[in-house]
Protein backbone atom coordinates (compact mmCIF):
# COMPACT_ATOMS: atom_id res chain seq x y z
CA UNK A 1 95.38 137.22 102.93
CA UNK A 2 96.53 133.58 104.37
CA UNK A 3 94.69 132.50 107.39
CA UNK A 4 97.60 130.50 108.52
CA UNK A 5 97.43 130.50 112.17
CA UNK A 6 100.05 132.63 113.60
CA UNK A 7 97.92 134.15 116.50
CA UNK A 8 99.18 134.52 119.70
CA UNK A 9 96.53 132.60 121.41
CA UNK A 10 96.70 129.73 118.91
CA UNK A 11 96.69 126.26 120.55
CA UNK A 12 99.88 124.22 119.78
CA UNK A 13 98.64 120.76 119.70
CA UNK A 14 102.35 119.45 119.19
CA UNK A 15 101.73 118.81 115.65
CA UNK A 16 103.78 119.90 112.50
CA UNK A 17 102.13 120.62 109.40
CA UNK A 18 103.04 120.67 105.55
CA UNK A 19 101.25 121.91 102.82
CA UNK A 20 99.57 118.54 101.48
CA UNK A 21 96.44 119.31 99.42
CA UNK A 22 96.51 122.96 99.89
CA UNK A 23 99.77 123.01 97.71
CA UNK A 24 97.29 122.49 94.53
CA UNK A 25 96.14 126.12 94.94
CA UNK A 26 93.03 128.12 95.52
CA UNK A 27 91.12 126.59 92.71
CA UNK A 28 90.50 123.46 94.96
CA UNK A 29 89.57 125.12 98.22
CA UNK A 30 88.56 128.05 100.18
CA UNK A 31 90.77 129.23 103.18
CA UNK A 32 88.55 129.91 106.13
CA UNK A 33 88.44 129.59 110.04
CA UNK A 34 86.04 127.25 111.94
CA UNK A 35 83.11 129.19 113.77
CA UNK A 36 83.42 128.82 117.38
CA UNK A 37 81.23 127.01 119.42
CA UNK A 38 80.39 127.89 123.30
CA UNK A 39 81.27 125.96 126.43
CA UNK A 40 82.68 122.75 124.60
CA UNK A 41 83.21 119.51 126.50
CA UNK A 42 84.64 116.22 125.83
CA UNK A 43 82.40 113.41 124.45
CA UNK A 44 84.72 110.71 123.59
CA UNK A 45 88.60 110.41 122.69
CA UNK A 46 90.56 107.48 120.73
CA UNK A 47 94.14 107.26 122.47
CA UNK A 48 94.55 105.14 119.58
CA UNK A 49 94.36 107.58 117.11
CA UNK A 50 96.14 110.20 119.23
CA UNK A 51 99.14 107.84 119.28
CA UNK A 52 98.88 107.66 115.49
CA UNK A 53 99.27 111.56 115.46
CA UNK A 54 101.98 111.55 117.95
CA UNK A 55 100.31 113.47 120.40
CA UNK A 56 101.57 113.57 123.77
CA UNK A 57 99.95 111.33 126.37
CA UNK A 58 98.37 114.56 128.23
CA UNK A 59 96.90 115.87 124.82
CA UNK A 60 93.34 116.18 126.09
CA UNK A 61 94.06 117.77 129.40
CA UNK A 62 94.57 121.31 127.92
CA UNK A 63 91.69 123.51 127.71
CA UNK A 64 93.11 125.20 124.48
CA UNK A 65 93.11 121.73 122.86
CA UNK A 66 89.56 121.23 123.65
CA UNK A 67 88.77 124.64 122.17
CA UNK A 68 90.87 124.13 119.10
CA UNK A 69 89.18 120.84 118.36
CA UNK A 70 85.86 122.41 118.65
CA UNK A 71 86.75 125.07 116.32
CA UNK A 72 86.91 127.89 118.90
CA UNK A 73 90.80 128.63 118.78
CA UNK A 74 93.14 128.62 116.13
CA UNK A 75 95.48 125.75 115.84
CA UNK A 76 99.31 126.87 115.67
CA UNK A 77 100.62 126.31 112.12
CA UNK A 78 97.41 125.18 110.63
CA UNK A 79 95.97 126.47 107.44
CA UNK A 80 92.23 125.60 107.63
CA UNK A 81 90.52 125.11 104.33
CA UNK A 82 87.26 123.70 102.98
CA UNK A 83 87.66 121.91 99.60
CA UNK A 84 85.06 121.86 96.66
CA UNK A 85 83.87 118.85 94.89
CA UNK A 86 80.62 117.89 92.99
CA UNK A 87 78.85 114.60 92.76
CA UNK A 88 76.02 112.23 91.89
CA UNK A 89 73.51 111.70 94.71
CA UNK A 90 71.00 109.15 94.64
CA UNK A 91 72.03 108.44 91.10
CA UNK A 92 71.37 112.03 90.07
CA UNK A 93 73.99 114.79 89.08
CA UNK A 94 73.81 117.03 92.08
CA UNK A 95 76.56 119.74 90.76
CA UNK A 96 78.79 121.49 92.94
CA UNK A 97 78.95 120.30 96.61
CA UNK A 98 82.19 120.55 98.67
CA UNK A 99 82.95 120.61 102.40
CA UNK A 100 79.72 122.12 103.77
CA UNK A 101 80.81 121.51 107.37
CA UNK A 102 84.10 119.85 107.30
CA UNK A 103 86.99 122.18 107.62
CA UNK A 104 90.66 120.69 107.26
CA UNK A 105 93.25 122.09 109.58
CA UNK A 106 95.81 120.54 107.29
CA UNK A 107 98.23 117.77 106.82
CA UNK A 108 100.84 116.50 109.20
CA UNK A 109 104.28 115.81 108.78
CA UNK A 110 103.48 111.99 109.29
CA UNK A 111 101.20 112.41 106.19
CA UNK A 112 97.74 112.45 107.89
CA UNK A 113 95.02 114.99 107.17
CA UNK A 114 93.11 116.40 110.16
CA UNK A 115 89.55 117.48 109.38
CA UNK A 116 86.77 119.14 111.81
CA UNK A 117 83.38 118.13 111.05
CA UNK A 118 80.60 120.34 112.20
CA UNK A 119 82.92 123.22 112.67
CA UNK A 120 80.58 125.78 110.95
CA UNK A 121 79.51 127.18 107.75
CA UNK A 122 81.76 127.30 104.51
CA UNK A 123 81.01 128.36 101.11
CA UNK A 124 79.90 124.90 100.16
CA UNK A 125 77.12 124.76 102.81
CA UNK A 126 74.47 125.22 100.36
CA UNK A 127 72.29 127.23 102.80
CA UNK A 128 73.16 124.65 105.87
CA UNK A 129 74.36 125.75 109.11
CA UNK A 130 77.61 123.94 108.72
CA UNK A 131 77.13 122.14 112.10
CA UNK A 132 76.78 118.46 113.09
CA UNK A 133 74.59 117.20 115.81
CA UNK A 134 75.77 115.06 118.87
CA UNK A 135 73.76 111.96 117.79
CA UNK A 136 75.52 111.54 114.46
CA UNK A 137 78.89 112.86 115.62
CA UNK A 138 78.87 110.05 118.23
CA UNK A 139 77.74 107.69 115.64
CA UNK A 140 80.83 108.55 113.16
CA UNK A 141 83.29 108.58 116.09
CA UNK A 142 82.51 105.06 117.15
CA UNK A 143 81.90 103.39 113.76
CA UNK A 144 85.15 105.01 112.37
CA UNK A 145 87.14 103.02 115.09
CA UNK A 146 84.84 100.17 114.96
CA UNK A 147 85.71 99.67 111.36
CA UNK A 148 89.28 99.86 112.14
CA UNK A 149 89.01 97.42 114.81
CA UNK A 150 87.49 94.95 112.22
CA UNK A 151 90.55 95.76 109.91
CA UNK A 152 88.44 97.47 107.32
CA UNK A 153 90.08 100.67 105.69
CA UNK A 154 88.47 103.73 107.08
CA UNK A 155 88.91 107.28 107.97
CA UNK A 156 89.65 107.63 111.84
CA UNK A 157 88.15 109.79 114.63
CA UNK A 158 90.49 111.36 117.16
CA UNK A 159 87.64 112.62 119.19
CA UNK A 160 84.19 114.19 119.66
CA UNK A 161 83.54 117.46 121.46
CA UNK A 162 80.21 118.82 122.32
CA UNK A 163 78.44 122.00 123.06
CA UNK A 164 74.93 122.93 124.22
CA UNK A 165 74.48 125.38 121.21
CA UNK A 166 71.29 124.42 119.60
CA UNK A 167 71.20 122.82 115.99
CA UNK A 168 67.99 122.82 114.39
CA UNK A 169 66.97 119.65 112.33
CA UNK A 170 63.95 117.77 112.70
CA UNK A 171 64.06 119.04 116.32
CA UNK A 172 66.33 121.03 118.34
CA UNK A 173 69.51 119.31 119.01
CA UNK A 174 72.94 120.04 120.68
CA UNK A 175 76.10 120.75 118.46
CA UNK A 176 79.07 118.55 118.53
CA UNK A 177 82.41 118.35 116.42
CA UNK A 178 84.12 115.13 115.16
CA UNK A 179 87.82 115.24 114.60
CA UNK A 180 88.67 113.09 111.66
CA UNK A 181 91.79 111.78 110.50
CA UNK A 182 92.87 110.13 107.33
CA UNK A 183 95.83 110.02 104.81
CA UNK A 184 93.66 111.81 102.25
CA UNK A 185 89.87 113.05 102.09
CA UNK A 186 89.88 113.37 98.49
CA UNK A 187 86.81 111.69 96.92
CA UNK A 188 85.44 110.52 93.50
CA UNK A 189 83.42 113.89 93.61
CA UNK A 190 86.72 116.07 93.50
CA UNK A 191 87.46 114.61 90.05
CA UNK A 192 83.98 114.78 88.92
CA UNK A 193 83.83 118.59 89.70
CA UNK A 194 86.52 119.70 87.49
CA UNK A 195 85.72 117.36 84.69
CA UNK A 196 81.99 118.56 84.77
CA UNK A 197 83.26 122.07 84.42
CA UNK A 198 85.79 121.04 81.81
CA UNK A 199 88.76 122.51 83.68
CA UNK A 200 90.96 119.81 82.62
CA UNK A 201 94.09 121.50 83.76
CA UNK A 202 92.79 121.50 87.35
CA UNK A 203 91.81 117.89 86.73
CA UNK A 204 95.21 116.82 85.68
CA UNK A 205 96.76 118.50 88.70
CA UNK A 206 94.59 116.83 91.20
CA UNK A 207 95.25 113.46 89.35
CA UNK A 208 99.05 114.05 89.23
CA UNK A 209 98.91 114.98 92.97
CA UNK A 210 97.04 111.81 94.16
CA UNK A 211 98.97 109.47 91.98
CA UNK A 212 102.46 110.82 92.97
CA UNK A 213 101.31 110.89 96.70
CA UNK A 214 99.11 107.64 96.98
CA UNK A 215 99.62 105.47 93.74
CA UNK A 216 103.18 106.20 92.73
CA UNK A 217 103.54 102.73 91.14
CA UNK A 218 101.00 103.89 88.40
CA UNK A 219 103.83 106.16 87.04
CA UNK A 220 106.06 103.23 86.03
CA UNK A 221 103.57 100.61 85.25
CA UNK A 222 103.42 98.98 81.70
CA UNK A 223 99.56 98.44 81.99
CA UNK A 224 97.53 100.21 79.25
CA UNK A 225 100.51 101.04 77.49
CA UNK A 226 102.01 103.07 80.19
CA UNK A 227 99.00 105.02 80.77
CA UNK A 228 99.15 106.10 84.33
CA UNK A 229 95.85 107.61 84.41
CA UNK A 230 94.10 104.28 83.51
CA UNK A 231 96.59 102.43 85.72
CA UNK A 232 95.24 104.73 88.48
CA UNK A 233 91.75 104.18 87.74
CA UNK A 234 92.35 100.31 87.78
CA UNK A 235 94.04 100.73 91.14
CA UNK A 236 91.15 102.61 92.69
CA UNK A 237 88.65 100.08 91.27
CA UNK A 238 90.43 97.28 92.84
CA UNK A 239 90.86 98.88 96.30
CA UNK A 240 87.10 99.72 96.33
CA UNK A 241 86.24 96.18 95.23
CA UNK A 242 88.37 94.92 98.21
CA UNK A 243 86.62 97.30 100.46
CA UNK A 244 82.96 96.26 99.31
CA UNK A 245 84.06 92.68 99.81
CA UNK A 246 84.83 93.50 103.46
CA UNK A 247 81.61 95.30 104.03
CA UNK A 248 79.49 92.35 102.50
CA UNK A 249 81.49 89.93 104.81
CA UNK A 250 80.81 91.72 108.00
CA UNK A 251 77.25 92.87 107.28
CA UNK A 252 77.89 96.65 106.98
CA UNK A 253 75.44 98.80 105.16
CA UNK A 254 76.70 102.40 104.54
CA UNK A 255 73.50 103.75 103.62
CA UNK A 256 74.47 106.65 101.36
CA UNK A 257 77.02 105.65 98.66
CA UNK A 258 76.80 108.76 96.65
CA UNK A 259 79.96 109.55 94.43
CA UNK A 260 80.93 112.43 96.83
CA UNK A 261 81.07 109.90 99.77
CA UNK A 262 83.64 107.55 97.87
CA UNK A 263 87.22 107.81 99.15
CA UNK A 264 89.82 107.67 96.22
CA UNK A 265 91.98 105.46 98.60
CA UNK A 266 89.32 102.74 99.14
CA UNK A 267 88.38 104.10 102.66
CA UNK A 268 85.05 103.94 104.23
CA UNK A 269 84.22 107.64 104.78
CA UNK A 270 81.24 109.62 105.58
CA UNK A 271 79.56 107.80 108.15
CA UNK A 272 75.66 108.71 107.95
CA UNK A 273 72.88 106.32 108.12
CA UNK A 274 75.22 103.34 108.02
CA UNK A 275 73.80 99.93 110.09
CA UNK A 276 75.52 96.59 110.85
CA UNK A 277 72.87 94.10 109.94
CA UNK A 278 71.05 92.43 112.87
CA UNK A 279 68.77 89.84 111.26
CA UNK A 280 70.11 88.88 107.85
CA UNK A 281 68.19 90.69 105.02
CA UNK A 282 70.05 91.02 101.88
CA UNK A 283 67.54 93.84 100.74
CA UNK A 284 67.83 95.71 103.82
CA UNK A 285 67.71 99.52 103.53
CA UNK A 286 69.08 101.32 106.54
CA UNK A 287 68.74 104.91 105.32
CA UNK A 288 65.23 106.11 105.87
CA UNK A 289 65.67 108.72 103.30
CA UNK A 290 66.35 105.83 100.50
CA UNK A 291 62.88 105.46 99.72
CA UNK A 292 63.78 103.67 96.34
CA UNK A 293 66.24 101.16 97.94
CA UNK A 294 69.19 102.55 95.80
CA UNK A 295 71.65 101.80 98.67
CA UNK A 296 70.10 98.31 99.98
CA UNK A 297 72.88 95.92 101.40
CA UNK A 298 72.79 93.61 98.37
CA UNK A 299 72.99 96.48 95.77
CA UNK A 300 76.42 98.08 97.46
CA UNK A 301 78.73 96.15 95.24
CA UNK A 302 76.79 97.21 92.08
CA UNK A 303 76.55 100.79 93.18
CA UNK A 304 80.14 100.91 93.95
CA UNK A 305 80.92 99.88 90.29
CA UNK A 306 78.40 102.53 89.00
CA UNK A 307 80.44 105.17 90.95
CA UNK A 308 83.64 103.74 89.50
CA UNK A 309 81.94 104.35 86.06
CA UNK A 310 81.41 107.96 87.05
CA UNK A 311 84.95 108.47 88.03
CA UNK A 312 86.19 106.86 84.78
CA UNK A 313 84.12 109.47 82.90
CA UNK A 314 85.57 112.18 84.97
CA UNK A 315 88.98 110.68 84.18
CA UNK A 316 88.42 110.32 80.43
CA UNK A 317 89.96 113.53 79.30
CA UNK A 318 93.28 112.31 80.94
CA UNK A 319 93.13 108.67 79.95
CA UNK A 320 92.26 109.64 76.31
CA UNK A 321 90.67 106.45 75.06
CA UNK A 322 86.97 105.24 76.29
CA UNK A 323 87.80 101.60 75.64
CA UNK A 324 91.09 101.97 77.94
CA UNK A 325 89.12 103.49 80.55
CA UNK A 326 86.35 100.85 80.40
CA UNK A 327 89.20 98.12 80.41
CA UNK A 328 90.45 99.88 83.63
CA UNK A 329 87.25 99.02 85.47
CA UNK A 330 87.09 95.37 84.58
CA UNK A 331 89.20 94.00 87.18
CA UNK A 332 86.63 94.96 89.68
CA UNK A 333 84.46 92.25 88.31
CA UNK A 334 86.96 89.57 89.30
CA UNK A 335 88.54 91.19 92.39
CA UNK A 336 85.25 91.74 94.20
CA UNK A 337 84.04 88.15 94.17
CA UNK A 338 87.54 86.72 94.59
CA UNK A 339 87.89 89.10 97.90
CA UNK A 340 84.47 88.17 99.24
CA UNK A 341 84.87 84.89 98.70
CA UNK A 342 88.31 84.72 100.54
CA UNK A 343 86.50 86.71 103.32
CA UNK A 344 83.81 84.40 103.58
CA UNK A 345 86.25 81.17 103.65
CA UNK A 346 88.13 82.70 106.54
CA UNK A 347 84.42 83.11 108.22
CA UNK A 348 84.24 79.43 107.71
CA UNK A 349 87.79 78.56 108.96
CA UNK A 350 88.99 77.58 105.73
CA UNK A 351 92.40 78.41 104.77
CA UNK A 352 92.60 77.02 101.04
CA UNK A 353 89.80 77.44 98.09
CA UNK A 354 88.29 74.20 97.15
CA UNK A 355 85.75 73.29 94.49
CA UNK A 356 82.24 73.60 96.29
CA UNK A 357 83.13 76.39 98.44
CA UNK A 358 80.95 78.81 96.58
CA UNK A 359 77.81 76.54 97.20
CA UNK A 360 78.72 76.39 100.78
CA UNK A 361 78.73 80.00 101.21
CA UNK A 362 75.76 80.73 99.11
CA UNK A 363 73.82 78.11 100.87
CA UNK A 364 74.41 79.28 104.46
CA UNK A 365 73.75 83.04 103.21
CA UNK A 366 70.27 81.70 101.93
CA UNK A 367 69.62 79.98 105.34
CA UNK A 368 70.36 83.18 107.22
CA UNK A 369 68.24 85.28 104.84
CA UNK A 370 65.19 82.77 105.04
CA UNK A 371 65.25 83.02 108.83
CA UNK A 372 66.45 86.42 109.24
CA UNK A 373 68.92 85.03 111.48
CA UNK A 374 71.09 87.59 113.31
CA UNK A 375 74.37 87.87 111.26
CA UNK A 376 77.06 88.47 113.89
CA UNK A 377 75.60 86.13 116.47
CA UNK A 378 75.44 83.30 114.05
CA UNK A 379 79.08 83.55 112.81
CA UNK A 380 80.32 84.01 116.24
CA UNK A 381 78.62 80.82 117.65
CA UNK A 382 79.84 78.99 114.54
CA UNK A 383 83.22 79.70 115.68
CA UNK A 384 82.42 78.51 119.11
CA UNK A 385 81.11 75.29 117.57
CA UNK A 386 84.37 74.74 115.70
CA UNK A 387 86.27 75.28 118.92
CA UNK A 388 84.24 73.19 121.44
CA UNK A 389 81.92 70.91 119.25
CA UNK A 390 78.64 72.11 120.71
CA UNK A 391 76.35 72.78 117.82
CA UNK A 392 73.23 73.43 120.02
CA UNK A 393 73.96 77.19 120.42
CA UNK A 394 74.10 77.49 116.72
CA UNK A 395 71.20 75.52 115.71
CA UNK A 396 69.15 77.25 118.25
CA UNK A 397 69.13 80.54 115.95
CA UNK A 398 67.50 78.69 113.18
CA UNK A 399 63.82 77.87 112.92
CA UNK A 400 64.64 75.85 109.88
CA UNK A 401 66.61 73.05 111.79
CA UNK A 402 66.52 70.63 109.11
CA UNK A 403 68.00 73.09 106.63
CA UNK A 404 70.58 74.07 109.02
CA UNK A 405 71.65 70.58 109.75
CA UNK A 406 71.93 69.67 105.96
CA UNK A 407 74.24 72.61 105.48
CA UNK A 408 76.25 71.48 108.66
CA UNK A 409 76.78 68.21 107.25
CA UNK A 410 78.42 69.92 103.92
CA UNK A 411 80.40 72.14 106.43
CA UNK A 412 81.78 69.44 108.43
CA UNK A 413 82.76 67.34 105.22
CA UNK A 414 84.45 70.24 104.03
CA UNK A 415 86.49 70.49 107.15
CA UNK A 416 87.29 66.69 107.20
CA UNK A 417 90.98 66.09 108.29
CA UNK A 418 91.40 69.62 109.17
CA UNK A 419 92.91 70.87 112.42
CA UNK A 420 89.68 72.26 114.27
CA UNK A 421 91.77 74.49 116.57
CA UNK A 422 93.43 76.25 113.91
CA UNK A 423 90.22 76.58 111.90
CA UNK A 424 88.58 77.80 115.21
CA UNK A 425 91.41 80.37 115.70
CA UNK A 426 90.96 81.67 112.06
CA UNK A 427 86.95 81.90 112.56
CA UNK A 428 87.41 83.96 115.89
CA UNK A 429 89.84 86.28 114.07
CA UNK A 430 87.37 86.64 111.22
CA UNK A 431 84.01 86.76 112.94
CA UNK A 432 83.66 89.58 115.50
CA UNK A 433 82.02 89.43 118.91
CA UNK A 434 81.21 93.05 118.69
CA UNK A 435 79.81 95.41 116.19
CA UNK A 436 78.24 98.82 116.50
CA UNK A 437 74.62 97.86 116.62
CA UNK A 438 72.22 100.80 116.15
CA UNK A 439 70.83 100.15 119.65
CA UNK A 440 73.96 100.18 121.36
CA UNK A 441 74.93 103.57 119.64
CA UNK A 442 71.58 104.72 120.61
CA UNK A 443 71.82 103.88 124.29
CA UNK A 444 75.34 105.87 124.33
CA UNK A 445 73.77 108.80 122.41
CA UNK A 446 71.00 109.11 124.96
CA UNK A 447 73.35 108.87 127.84
CA UNK A 448 75.58 111.48 126.42
CA UNK A 449 72.59 113.85 125.79
CA UNK A 450 72.52 113.73 129.59
CA UNK A 451 76.20 114.37 130.17
CA UNK A 452 77.02 110.73 130.84
CA UNK A 453 79.84 109.69 128.30
CA UNK A 454 80.69 106.60 129.91
CA UNK A 455 78.60 104.62 127.36
CA UNK A 456 80.81 105.92 124.65
CA UNK A 457 84.03 104.94 126.28
CA UNK A 458 82.82 101.50 126.93
CA UNK A 459 81.61 101.01 123.46
CA UNK A 460 84.83 102.34 122.03
CA UNK A 461 87.03 99.75 124.20
CA UNK A 462 84.76 97.10 123.05
CA UNK A 463 84.79 98.01 119.23
CA UNK A 464 88.38 98.65 119.09
CA UNK A 465 89.31 94.94 119.80
CA UNK A 466 85.88 93.45 118.57
CA UNK A 467 87.10 89.92 118.22
CA UNK A 468 88.34 89.58 121.77
CA UNK A 469 86.14 87.83 124.25
CA UNK A 470 85.83 90.92 126.66
CA UNK A 471 84.52 88.77 129.87
CA UNK A 472 81.64 90.67 131.40
CA UNK A 473 80.70 92.48 128.35
CA UNK A 474 78.24 89.80 126.99
CA UNK A 475 75.32 92.27 127.07
CA UNK A 476 76.94 94.24 124.28
CA UNK A 477 77.11 91.13 122.08
CA UNK A 478 73.52 89.75 122.54
CA UNK A 479 70.52 90.06 120.58
CA UNK A 480 69.08 93.37 119.91
CA UNK A 481 65.86 94.37 121.78
CA UNK A 482 62.58 94.49 119.92
CA UNK A 483 62.65 98.20 120.00
CA UNK A 484 65.99 98.41 117.80
CA UNK A 485 64.04 97.69 114.86
CA UNK A 486 62.13 100.85 115.26
CA UNK A 487 65.20 103.10 115.09
CA UNK A 488 65.08 105.18 111.97
CA UNK A 489 68.35 106.40 110.56
CA UNK A 490 68.43 109.19 108.04
CA UNK A 491 70.79 111.52 106.16
CA UNK A 492 69.72 114.20 108.48
CA UNK A 493 72.67 115.10 110.93
């Protein structure tokens, strides 16, 4: 029996749905309804995402909408499902996983999937309660929109709704639901699931669906002798490489880069124990659960390649030749460094590549690491120096003033003859003033736990336009307090 919502009391969100992923058939998902939460309330809303979905301007004023996006009322026309996938977690095969607390309402006619995270137990919950807590839901909501504001490919978040229903983690916390939005939530792990179970027919159906929907150029390519599946793997590798270059350039740590947390579209997905670097430490581990440092900041590019190799193994029955599959991964090794250097040149205000750029980039990163210099503040102040010529605010963040002065000389020589105003503008557009630091998120969370959600709204406004000055908001762009280093973020959410 289909669970297509035809209830007389279903909430009409003004969205029209199409089959999308559900057209693949029951081997790929389970139909179910979210589990209601009592007495829900709004915590945060993104009007930008509402606009992307085409929601009316008064969308949030309806009690039915609030109930529907908390999982307490069916959505008109939606066919909620939870999908099955498998994956490697911390480098170890974990077997079947799946949407353990995420329930997809469906795909809109505009091509966006809408998913409720924290909406209750599914067949893939593996003994869990299917819930999400308020603190992690706020973090995901804010960081999804922050990454979009930074221009980094990501899933989006329409809203967070809360409830006082208890959720049991290390302590009793309150429940919340994040409404997530993306062109697709398909992960590497979806392919691994069917490959591991030798279900080649379903594996091919999934690959064909993703290629035809999101990578149609792979059907007509002459790459790899016209092998569409190898071309698909190469395209995913290149998108992933570009994504990792953006992460590294902005100082973003994901924290749990399991294969089931890797998007087939090269999106940042599954915000758990993430962190934007404060003091620059290439070996920083943001996930308190990562005792071996597998997902340390400087390991992320290599882990992404390892995950792509797992995807290649999963696609091998379709590609048909191991050497071709390995060759399809090869471009990652050139796309990542080229993209990373391009991003770093922009942070330095350089529009054209030149010999000596790599030592200039490596030199400043070594200086930052040696002094654990605040990553975001350094780059923003360097942008200011290019605009007004005042170097003292930049020098002030270094203990090794002589080392910085030597690097600055090379930097200045590289900019000889360039238009400083144009370079400064490029730097301001490449070096954000605001990022979602852990302590800022924590302050907003603690206020929201007391039913004061103004901090969430303030951060959202700053993070959606992080390159702007936002006069009066300098406190959100300052150095983190000492207690920020004591915040521990784990996989518990």
